[in-house]
Amino acid sequence: MLNYIKENLRQYGLIVALIVIAIIFHILTNGTIFRPANITSLILQNSYILILAIGMILVIVTGRIDLSVGSVAAFSGALAGVLIVQQNWPVWLAIIVTLLAGALIGAWHGFWIAAVGVPFFVVTLGGMLIFRGATMLLLDGLFVGPFPASFQMMAAGFIPDFFGGTDFNIMAVVVCIVLAVIFVLLELRKRFLAKKYDVESEPLLFFIIKLVFILTAIGLFAYWFGASNGIPNILIVLSIMILLYSYIANRTILGRHIYATGGSADTSKLSGIKVKRIVFLVYTNMGLLAALAGLVFTARLNSAMPRAGDGFELEAIAAAFIGGASPYGGVGKVSGAIIGAMVVGIINNGMNILGVPVEWQQVTTGLVLLSAVIFDVYIKNRSDRPKQNDALSTKKVQAGKAS
């Protein structure tokens, strides 16, 4: 079991860090951070960063970053504001047009990076400046709002309680119970198949501990959501996105090609992988998700603002790196990016409750980010050390034979 934990230190170390940080702020805030209303607020406040982190992890896996996502999110919110509030477009049509605009912006970035070969840092930095200015021009420096209730529901609405609970949301409990049953069945099936085909699986004790931990977490969420307004609509959207992008990254040819591109672009080209197409698709997807994040942020604030999206790109990048993405590319998981975003969110939320100034929040986030990257470098060097020792031993043997 200890060997298994060592081999998966990067993945499970992050989960332990999240739990420790949550417990620390639970103690410091006298339990405020774990109150049902605050848990719901934590999810709503960080929903747009979670969306951006999903897209950013794929960009970073290819060995690149995108500095424009904050400005693209702001531009998307401004575009939705102009179409819905000023031009009286139907909400559904304005959302579709805004998402398409975000995808086109991402494709524009991807074209210059992949096809022309302009450095990604220059292209996305230019995009950050261009679309920040375009946002101000589109809004003419003014706030645009309020939005219709149907638009606000995507970021501030909750699933109705079809069971008619009054003091407690029964629907939230039922959904959590169903998820718990599905999770247990999938894990048992996974372990059964591993044993059937003689594939190495988790140690039994670790498997039991993991089941107990996940089921406890689901039970806590059932209580938190049941004691508040229920399950937020945006959490359903996020859950679908996490499952979809995790499946793409881990179970599809496209996902394997994305990881291969970040691992070694030259080797990937020799293997027949269309690296340019992969990079283009990754940036197009990032633009689409940046537009979605902009819509969610605008719907939550019920207003499109010229300065919206400031620092979003830094928070998304920090979430990806804290979540285990490697600065060298080729390493990173969607689930890790989500955990990284929650680490940042809990730190900021806990410090807000404690009344810590914003500048100290940024210092803390920076230290956490630096620690995560240092830890990643340490793990990489540690894994490379046996290979170096093997190579040295081979050279000694060859030298002995020659003598």
Protein backbone atom coordinates (compact mmCIF):
# COMPACT_ATOMS: atom_id res chain seq x y z
CA MET A 1 0.00 0.00 0.00
CA LEU A 2 2.88 2.37 0.79
CA ASN A 3 4.42 1.65 -2.62
CA TYR A 4 1.08 2.40 -4.30
CA ILE A 5 0.81 5.72 -2.46
CA LYS A 6 4.39 6.65 -3.43
CA GLU A 7 3.67 5.90 -7.09
CA ASN A 8 0.54 8.11 -6.97
CA LEU A 9 1.97 10.76 -4.65
CA ARG A 10 1.21 13.62 -7.05
CA GLN A 11 -2.49 12.73 -7.34
CA TYR A 12 -3.33 11.83 -3.74
CA GLY A 13 -1.02 14.42 -2.20
CA LEU A 14 -3.17 17.12 -3.75
CA ILE A 15 -6.35 15.67 -2.22
CA VAL A 16 -4.69 15.51 1.19
CA ALA A 17 -3.56 19.14 0.78
CA LEU A 18 -7.13 20.21 -0.05
CA ILE A 19 -8.49 18.44 3.04
CA VAL A 20 -5.81 19.94 5.30
CA ILE A 21 -6.42 23.46 3.98
CA ALA A 22 -10.19 23.06 4.44
CA ILE A 23 -9.75 21.81 8.03
CA ILE A 24 -7.38 24.69 8.86
CA PHE A 25 -9.88 27.30 7.66
CA HIS A 26 -12.72 25.41 9.34
CA ILE A 27 -10.89 25.88 12.65
CA LEU A 28 -9.85 29.48 11.98
CA THR A 29 -13.37 30.54 10.93
CA ASN A 30 -15.11 28.66 13.77
CA GLY A 31 -16.89 26.40 11.30
CA THR A 32 -18.23 29.19 9.07
CA ILE A 33 -16.53 27.85 5.94
CA PHE A 34 -18.45 24.55 6.17
CA ARG A 35 -21.89 26.05 6.70
CA PRO A 36 -24.37 25.04 3.98
CA ALA A 37 -24.92 28.59 2.73
CA ASN A 38 -21.17 29.19 2.44
CA ILE A 39 -20.57 25.92 0.56
CA THR A 40 -23.18 26.95 -2.00
CA SER A 41 -21.64 30.41 -2.22
CA LEU A 42 -18.18 28.85 -2.67
CA ILE A 43 -19.37 26.86 -5.68
CA LEU A 44 -21.16 29.83 -7.27
CA GLN A 45 -18.22 32.19 -6.71
CA ASN A 46 -15.69 29.84 -8.28
CA SER A 47 -17.80 28.34 -11.06
CA TYR A 48 -16.23 30.46 -13.82
CA ILE A 49 -12.70 29.62 -12.65
CA LEU A 50 -13.58 25.92 -12.63
CA ILE A 51 -14.77 26.22 -16.24
CA LEU A 52 -11.60 28.04 -17.29
CA ALA A 53 -9.41 25.53 -15.44
CA ILE A 54 -10.89 22.65 -17.47
CA GLY A 55 -9.88 24.33 -20.71
CA MET A 56 -6.56 25.60 -19.40
CA ILE A 57 -5.39 22.15 -18.26
CA LEU A 58 -5.63 20.89 -21.85
CA VAL A 59 -3.67 23.90 -23.13
CA ILE A 60 -0.96 23.40 -20.50
CA VAL A 61 -0.76 19.68 -21.24
CA THR A 62 0.29 20.61 -24.79
CA GLY A 63 3.10 22.69 -23.27
CA ARG A 64 1.44 26.08 -23.77
CA ILE A 65 -0.71 28.63 -21.91
CA ASP A 66 -3.43 31.13 -22.82
CA LEU A 67 -3.19 34.62 -21.34
CA SER A 68 -6.30 35.93 -23.12
CA VAL A 69 -9.04 33.98 -21.33
CA GLY A 70 -9.91 36.77 -18.88
CA SER A 71 -10.35 39.31 -21.66
CA VAL A 72 -12.27 36.83 -23.83
CA ALA A 73 -14.59 36.11 -20.89
CA ALA A 74 -15.16 39.85 -20.39
CA PHE A 75 -15.80 40.36 -24.13
CA SER A 76 -18.28 37.46 -24.14
CA GLY A 77 -20.19 38.93 -21.21
CA ALA A 78 -20.26 42.32 -22.93
CA LEU A 79 -21.49 40.76 -26.18
CA ALA A 80 -24.28 38.95 -24.33
CA GLY A 81 -25.21 42.20 -22.57
CA VAL A 82 -25.48 44.11 -25.83
CA LEU A 83 -27.48 41.38 -27.56
CA ILE A 84 -29.89 40.59 -24.70
CA VAL A 85 -30.32 43.93 -22.90
CA GLN A 86 -29.79 46.48 -25.65
CA GLN A 87 -30.88 44.56 -28.77
CA ASN A 88 -33.61 42.44 -27.09
CA TRP A 89 -32.40 39.17 -28.59
CA PRO A 90 -33.85 35.90 -27.22
CA VAL A 91 -31.66 34.60 -24.41
CA TRP A 92 -31.03 31.21 -26.04
CA LEU A 93 -29.96 32.77 -29.34
CA ALA A 94 -27.65 35.28 -27.66
CA ILE A 95 -25.99 32.45 -25.68
CA ILE A 96 -25.37 30.42 -28.85
CA VAL A 97 -23.94 33.43 -30.72
CA THR A 98 -21.69 34.30 -27.77
CA LEU A 99 -20.35 30.76 -27.50
CA LEU A 100 -19.68 30.69 -31.25
CA ALA A 101 -17.86 34.03 -30.97
CA GLY A 102 -15.67 32.58 -28.20
CA ALA A 103 -14.87 29.51 -30.31
CA LEU A 104 -13.93 31.75 -33.27
CA ILE A 105 -11.64 33.80 -31.03
CA GLY A 106 -9.97 30.61 -29.82
CA ALA A 107 -9.64 29.41 -33.42
CA TRP A 108 -8.06 32.76 -34.33
CA HIS A 109 -5.43 32.27 -31.63
CA GLY A 110 -4.94 28.64 -32.63
CA PHE A 111 -4.41 29.60 -36.29
CA TRP A 112 -1.54 31.98 -35.53
CA ILE A 113 0.06 29.59 -33.03
CA ALA A 114 -0.36 26.29 -34.90
CA ALA A 115 -0.39 27.22 -38.59
CA VAL A 116 1.85 30.29 -38.71
CA GLY A 117 4.13 29.42 -35.81
CA VAL A 118 3.87 32.65 -33.82
CA PRO A 119 4.86 32.01 -30.16
CA PHE A 120 1.80 31.31 -28.01
CA PHE A 121 2.88 33.87 -25.43
CA VAL A 122 2.83 36.68 -28.00
CA VAL A 123 -0.47 35.62 -29.60
CA THR A 124 -2.41 35.25 -26.36
CA LEU A 125 -0.87 38.37 -24.83
CA GLY A 126 -2.00 40.26 -27.92
CA GLY A 127 -5.45 38.68 -27.57
CA MET A 128 -5.60 39.78 -23.95
CA LEU A 129 -5.01 43.41 -24.97
CA ILE A 130 -7.23 43.29 -28.07
CA PHE A 131 -10.32 41.87 -26.41
CA ARG A 132 -9.91 43.96 -23.28
CA GLY A 133 -10.05 47.03 -25.50
CA ALA A 134 -12.91 45.54 -27.53
CA THR A 135 -14.89 44.99 -24.33
CA MET A 136 -14.54 48.65 -23.38
CA LEU A 137 -15.54 49.75 -26.87
CA LEU A 138 -18.54 47.42 -26.94
CA LEU A 139 -19.84 48.66 -23.58
CA ASP A 140 -18.71 52.26 -24.13
CA GLY A 141 -17.25 52.20 -20.62
CA LEU A 142 -20.68 51.57 -19.03
CA PHE A 143 -22.33 48.75 -17.08
CA VAL A 144 -25.05 46.89 -19.01
CA GLY A 145 -27.90 45.20 -17.13
CA PRO A 146 -30.05 43.91 -15.57
CA PHE A 147 -30.57 40.65 -17.43
CA PRO A 148 -33.77 38.59 -17.70
CA ALA A 149 -34.37 36.02 -14.97
CA SER A 150 -34.00 33.18 -17.50
CA PHE A 151 -30.42 34.27 -18.17
CA GLN A 152 -29.55 34.61 -14.48
CA MET A 153 -30.78 31.07 -13.77
CA MET A 154 -27.71 29.54 -15.40
CA ALA A 155 -25.45 30.89 -12.64
CA ALA A 156 -27.76 31.67 -9.72
CA GLY A 157 -30.59 29.14 -10.06
CA PHE A 158 -31.19 25.82 -8.25
CA ILE A 159 -32.79 22.51 -9.19
CA PRO A 160 -36.41 22.56 -7.98
CA ASP A 161 -37.39 20.21 -5.15
CA PHE A 162 -39.88 17.94 -6.88
CA PHE A 163 -40.49 16.11 -3.58
CA GLY A 164 -41.94 19.22 -1.94
CA GLY A 165 -39.50 19.57 0.94
CA THR A 166 -40.13 22.61 3.12
CA ASP A 167 -37.36 22.93 5.71
CA PHE A 168 -35.00 20.53 3.90
CA ASN A 169 -34.38 19.99 0.17
CA ILE A 170 -35.22 16.33 -0.39
CA MET A 171 -34.29 16.46 -4.08
CA ALA A 172 -30.67 17.16 -3.19
CA VAL A 173 -30.54 14.13 -0.90
CA VAL A 174 -32.10 11.84 -3.52
CA VAL A 175 -29.64 12.98 -6.19
CA CYS A 176 -26.68 12.41 -3.86
CA ILE A 177 -27.92 8.92 -2.93
CA VAL A 178 -28.25 8.00 -6.61
CA LEU A 179 -24.72 9.31 -7.29
CA ALA A 180 -23.35 7.33 -4.34
CA VAL A 181 -24.92 4.08 -5.62
CA ILE A 182 -23.63 4.69 -9.16
CA PHE A 183 -20.14 5.44 -7.85
CA VAL A 184 -19.97 2.26 -5.76
CA LEU A 185 -21.21 0.10 -8.66
CA LEU A 186 -18.69 1.63 -11.09
CA GLU A 187 -15.80 1.17 -8.66
CA LEU A 188 -16.76 -2.46 -7.96
CA ARG A 189 -17.05 -3.14 -11.70
CA LYS A 190 -13.66 -1.52 -12.31
CA ARG A 191 -12.04 -3.68 -9.63
CA PHE A 192 -13.78 -6.82 -10.89
CA LEU A 193 -12.54 -6.24 -14.45
CA ALA A 194 -9.01 -5.56 -13.21
CA LYS A 195 -9.01 -8.87 -11.34
CA LYS A 196 -10.61 -10.73 -14.25
CA TYR A 197 -7.96 -9.61 -16.74
CA ASP A 198 -5.12 -9.83 -14.20
CA VAL A 199 -4.44 -6.10 -14.26
CA GLU A 200 -2.81 -4.47 -11.25
CA SER A 201 -5.37 -2.58 -9.17
CA GLU A 202 -5.45 -0.61 -5.93
CA PRO A 203 -4.65 -2.43 -2.67
CA LEU A 204 -7.85 -3.63 -1.02
CA LEU A 205 -7.34 -1.49 2.10
CA PHE A 206 -6.78 1.62 -0.02
CA PHE A 207 -9.85 0.77 -2.10
CA ILE A 208 -12.02 0.53 1.05
CA ILE A 209 -10.61 3.80 2.46
CA LYS A 210 -11.29 5.55 -0.85
CA LEU A 211 -14.90 4.30 -0.92
CA VAL A 212 -15.51 5.45 2.64
CA PHE A 213 -13.95 8.85 1.94
CA ILE A 214 -15.96 9.48 -1.26
CA LEU A 215 -19.23 8.31 0.28
CA THR A 216 -18.63 10.55 3.29
CA ALA A 217 -18.01 13.51 0.99
CA ILE A 218 -21.23 12.77 -0.94
CA GLY A 219 -23.11 12.55 2.36
CA LEU A 220 -21.76 15.94 3.43
CA PHE A 221 -22.84 17.49 0.14
CA ALA A 222 -26.30 15.96 0.58
CA TYR A 223 -26.54 17.69 3.95
CA TRP A 224 -25.10 21.01 2.71
CA PHE A 225 -27.37 21.22 -0.33
CA GLY A 226 -30.37 19.87 1.55
CA ALA A 227 -30.01 22.46 4.31
CA SER A 228 -29.66 25.34 1.82
CA ASN A 229 -31.41 26.06 -1.48
CA GLY A 230 -30.64 22.73 -3.12
CA ILE A 231 -28.23 21.80 -5.92
CA PRO A 232 -27.08 24.80 -8.00
CA ASN A 233 -27.77 24.61 -11.74
CA ILE A 234 -24.18 25.49 -12.52
CA LEU A 235 -22.98 22.46 -10.53
CA ILE A 236 -24.89 20.20 -12.94
CA VAL A 237 -23.20 21.95 -15.88
CA LEU A 238 -19.79 21.58 -14.22
CA SER A 239 -20.37 17.91 -13.43
CA ILE A 240 -21.27 17.16 -17.06
CA MET A 241 -18.20 19.07 -18.24
CA ILE A 242 -15.87 17.24 -15.84
CA LEU A 243 -17.18 13.84 -16.95
CA LEU A 244 -17.07 14.76 -20.64
CA TYR A 245 -13.58 16.27 -20.66
CA SER A 246 -12.19 13.54 -18.38
CA TYR A 247 -13.52 10.95 -20.82
CA ILE A 248 -12.01 12.80 -23.80
CA ALA A 249 -8.65 13.18 -22.06
CA ASN A 250 -8.39 9.62 -20.74
CA ARG A 251 -10.40 7.41 -23.09
CA THR A 252 -10.17 8.83 -26.62
CA ILE A 253 -7.56 9.04 -29.38
CA LEU A 254 -7.83 12.83 -29.30
CA GLY A 255 -6.92 12.83 -25.61
CA ARG A 256 -3.90 10.59 -26.18
CA HIS A 257 -2.74 12.87 -28.98
CA ILE A 258 -3.05 15.93 -26.71
CA TYR A 259 -0.83 14.31 -24.08
CA ALA A 260 1.61 13.08 -26.72
CA THR A 261 1.90 16.59 -28.18
CA GLY A 262 2.88 17.97 -24.79
CA GLY A 263 5.22 15.07 -24.05
CA SER A 264 7.25 15.51 -27.23
CA ALA A 265 6.00 17.40 -30.28
CA ASP A 266 8.80 16.10 -32.54
CA THR A 267 8.21 12.48 -31.59
CA SER A 268 4.46 12.98 -32.05
CA LYS A 269 5.00 14.29 -35.58
CA LEU A 270 7.15 11.28 -36.44
CA SER A 271 4.38 9.05 -35.04
CA GLY A 272 1.87 10.55 -37.45
CA ILE A 273 0.06 12.81 -34.98
CA LYS A 274 -1.14 16.06 -36.55
CA VAL A 275 0.33 18.35 -33.88
CA LYS A 276 -0.83 21.56 -35.54
CA ARG A 277 -4.42 20.33 -35.65
CA ILE A 278 -4.26 19.31 -31.97
CA VAL A 279 -2.96 22.74 -30.92
CA PHE A 280 -5.63 24.46 -33.05
CA LEU A 281 -8.43 22.39 -31.49
CA VAL A 282 -7.16 22.95 -27.94
CA TYR A 283 -7.14 26.74 -28.37
CA THR A 284 -10.55 26.70 -30.08
CA ASN A 285 -11.93 24.78 -27.11
CA MET A 286 -10.29 27.26 -24.72
CA GLY A 287 -12.04 30.15 -26.46
CA LEU A 288 -15.37 28.34 -26.21
CA LEU A 289 -14.97 27.70 -22.49
CA ALA A 290 -13.77 31.27 -21.89
CA ALA A 291 -17.02 32.48 -23.49
CA LEU A 292 -19.03 30.12 -21.26
CA ALA A 293 -17.17 31.38 -18.19
CA GLY A 294 -17.92 34.96 -19.24
CA LEU A 295 -21.63 34.15 -19.56
CA VAL A 296 -21.68 32.50 -16.13
CA PHE A 297 -19.84 35.39 -14.49
CA THR A 298 -22.11 37.97 -16.13
CA ALA A 299 -25.26 36.05 -15.18
CA ARG A 300 -24.12 35.80 -11.57
CA LEU A 301 -23.43 39.54 -11.27
CA ASN A 302 -26.49 40.39 -13.40
CA SER A 303 -24.37 42.97 -15.21
CA ALA A 304 -21.78 43.18 -17.99
CA MET A 305 -18.81 45.26 -16.87
CA PRO A 306 -15.81 46.76 -18.74
CA ARG A 307 -13.33 45.46 -16.14
CA ALA A 308 -14.82 41.98 -15.79
CA GLY A 309 -12.42 39.09 -16.05
CA ASP A 310 -9.40 40.83 -14.53
CA GLY A 311 -6.99 38.16 -13.32
CA PHE A 312 -9.12 35.22 -14.52
CA GLU A 313 -6.26 33.91 -16.64
CA LEU A 314 -3.90 33.89 -13.67
CA GLU A 315 -6.39 32.05 -11.46
CA ALA A 316 -7.03 29.44 -14.16
CA ILE A 317 -3.30 28.89 -14.74
CA ALA A 318 -2.69 28.70 -10.99
CA ALA A 319 -5.51 26.15 -10.60
CA ALA A 320 -4.02 23.96 -13.34
CA PHE A 321 -0.49 24.02 -11.90
CA ILE A 322 -1.65 23.55 -8.31
CA GLY A 323 -3.77 20.67 -9.61
CA GLY A 324 -0.71 18.78 -10.78
CA ALA A 325 -0.12 20.03 -14.33
CA SER A 326 3.54 20.02 -15.28
CA PRO A 327 5.17 23.22 -16.62
CA TYR A 328 6.99 20.95 -19.08
CA GLY A 329 3.74 19.74 -20.67
CA GLY A 330 2.41 16.22 -21.11
CA VAL A 331 1.15 15.87 -17.51
CA GLY A 332 -2.13 16.97 -15.95
CA LYS A 333 -5.69 15.84 -15.29
CA VAL A 334 -9.07 17.54 -15.49
CA SER A 335 -9.88 16.32 -11.97
CA GLY A 336 -6.58 17.78 -10.75
CA ALA A 337 -7.42 21.18 -12.24
CA ILE A 338 -10.79 21.11 -10.45
CA ILE A 339 -9.12 20.29 -7.13
CA GLY A 340 -6.55 23.02 -7.74
CA ALA A 341 -9.31 25.55 -8.41
CA MET A 342 -11.05 24.50 -5.20
CA VAL A 343 -7.80 24.95 -3.26
CA VAL A 344 -7.56 28.52 -4.54
CA GLY A 345 -11.27 29.07 -3.90
CA ILE A 346 -11.17 27.79 -0.31
CA ILE A 347 -8.09 29.89 0.48
CA ASN A 348 -9.71 33.06 -0.90
CA ASN A 349 -13.07 32.30 0.73
CA GLY A 350 -11.52 31.55 4.11
CA MET A 351 -9.41 34.69 4.02
CA ASN A 352 -12.42 36.79 3.06
CA ILE A 353 -14.28 35.44 6.09
CA LEU A 354 -11.28 36.23 8.28
CA GLY A 355 -11.05 39.75 6.82
CA VAL A 356 -7.57 39.27 5.32
CA PRO A 357 -6.68 42.03 2.81
CA VAL A 358 -6.70 41.13 -0.91
CA GLU A 359 -2.96 41.70 -1.28
CA TRP A 360 -2.23 39.01 1.33
CA GLN A 361 -4.62 36.65 -0.45
CA GLN A 362 -2.57 37.09 -3.62
CA VAL A 363 0.67 36.48 -1.71
CA THR A 364 -0.75 33.24 -0.27
CA THR A 365 -2.01 32.02 -3.64
CA GLY A 366 1.40 32.77 -5.16
CA LEU A 367 3.17 30.79 -2.43
CA VAL A 368 0.82 27.84 -2.91
CA LEU A 369 1.42 27.95 -6.67
CA LEU A 370 5.20 28.08 -6.22
CA SER A 371 5.06 25.18 -3.75
CA ALA A 372 3.03 23.09 -6.20
CA VAL A 373 5.52 23.65 -9.04
CA ILE A 374 8.50 22.92 -6.76
CA PHE A 375 6.78 19.70 -5.69
CA ASP A 376 6.21 18.79 -9.35
CA VAL A 377 9.90 19.38 -10.18
CA TYR A 378 10.92 17.27 -7.16
CA ILE A 379 8.68 14.37 -8.24
CA LYS A 380 10.00 14.59 -11.82
CA ASN A 381 13.64 14.59 -10.70
CA ARG A 382 12.95 11.71 -8.35
CA SER A 383 11.38 9.63 -11.13
CA ASP A 384 14.27 10.42 -13.50
CA ARG A 385 16.92 9.40 -10.96
CA PRO A 386 16.52 5.60 -11.42
CA LYS A 387 16.85 6.06 -15.19
CA GLN A 388 20.09 8.00 -14.73
CA ASN A 389 21.41 5.31 -12.38
CA ASP A 390 20.51 2.59 -14.90
CA ALA A 391 22.29 4.49 -17.66
CA LEU A 392 25.37 4.93 -15.47
CA SER A 393 25.41 1.22 -14.62
CA THR A 394 25.16 0.34 -18.31
CA LYS A 395 28.14 2.57 -19.12
CA LYS A 396 30.20 0.93 -16.36
CA VAL A 397 29.41 -2.53 -17.70
CA GLN A 398 30.34 -1.49 -21.23
CA ALA A 399 33.59 0.05 -19.97
CA GLY A 400 34.42 -3.16 -18.10
CA LYS A 401 33.83 -5.27 -21.19
CA ALA A 402 36.01 -2.96 -23.27
CA SER A 403 38.87 -3.18 -20.80
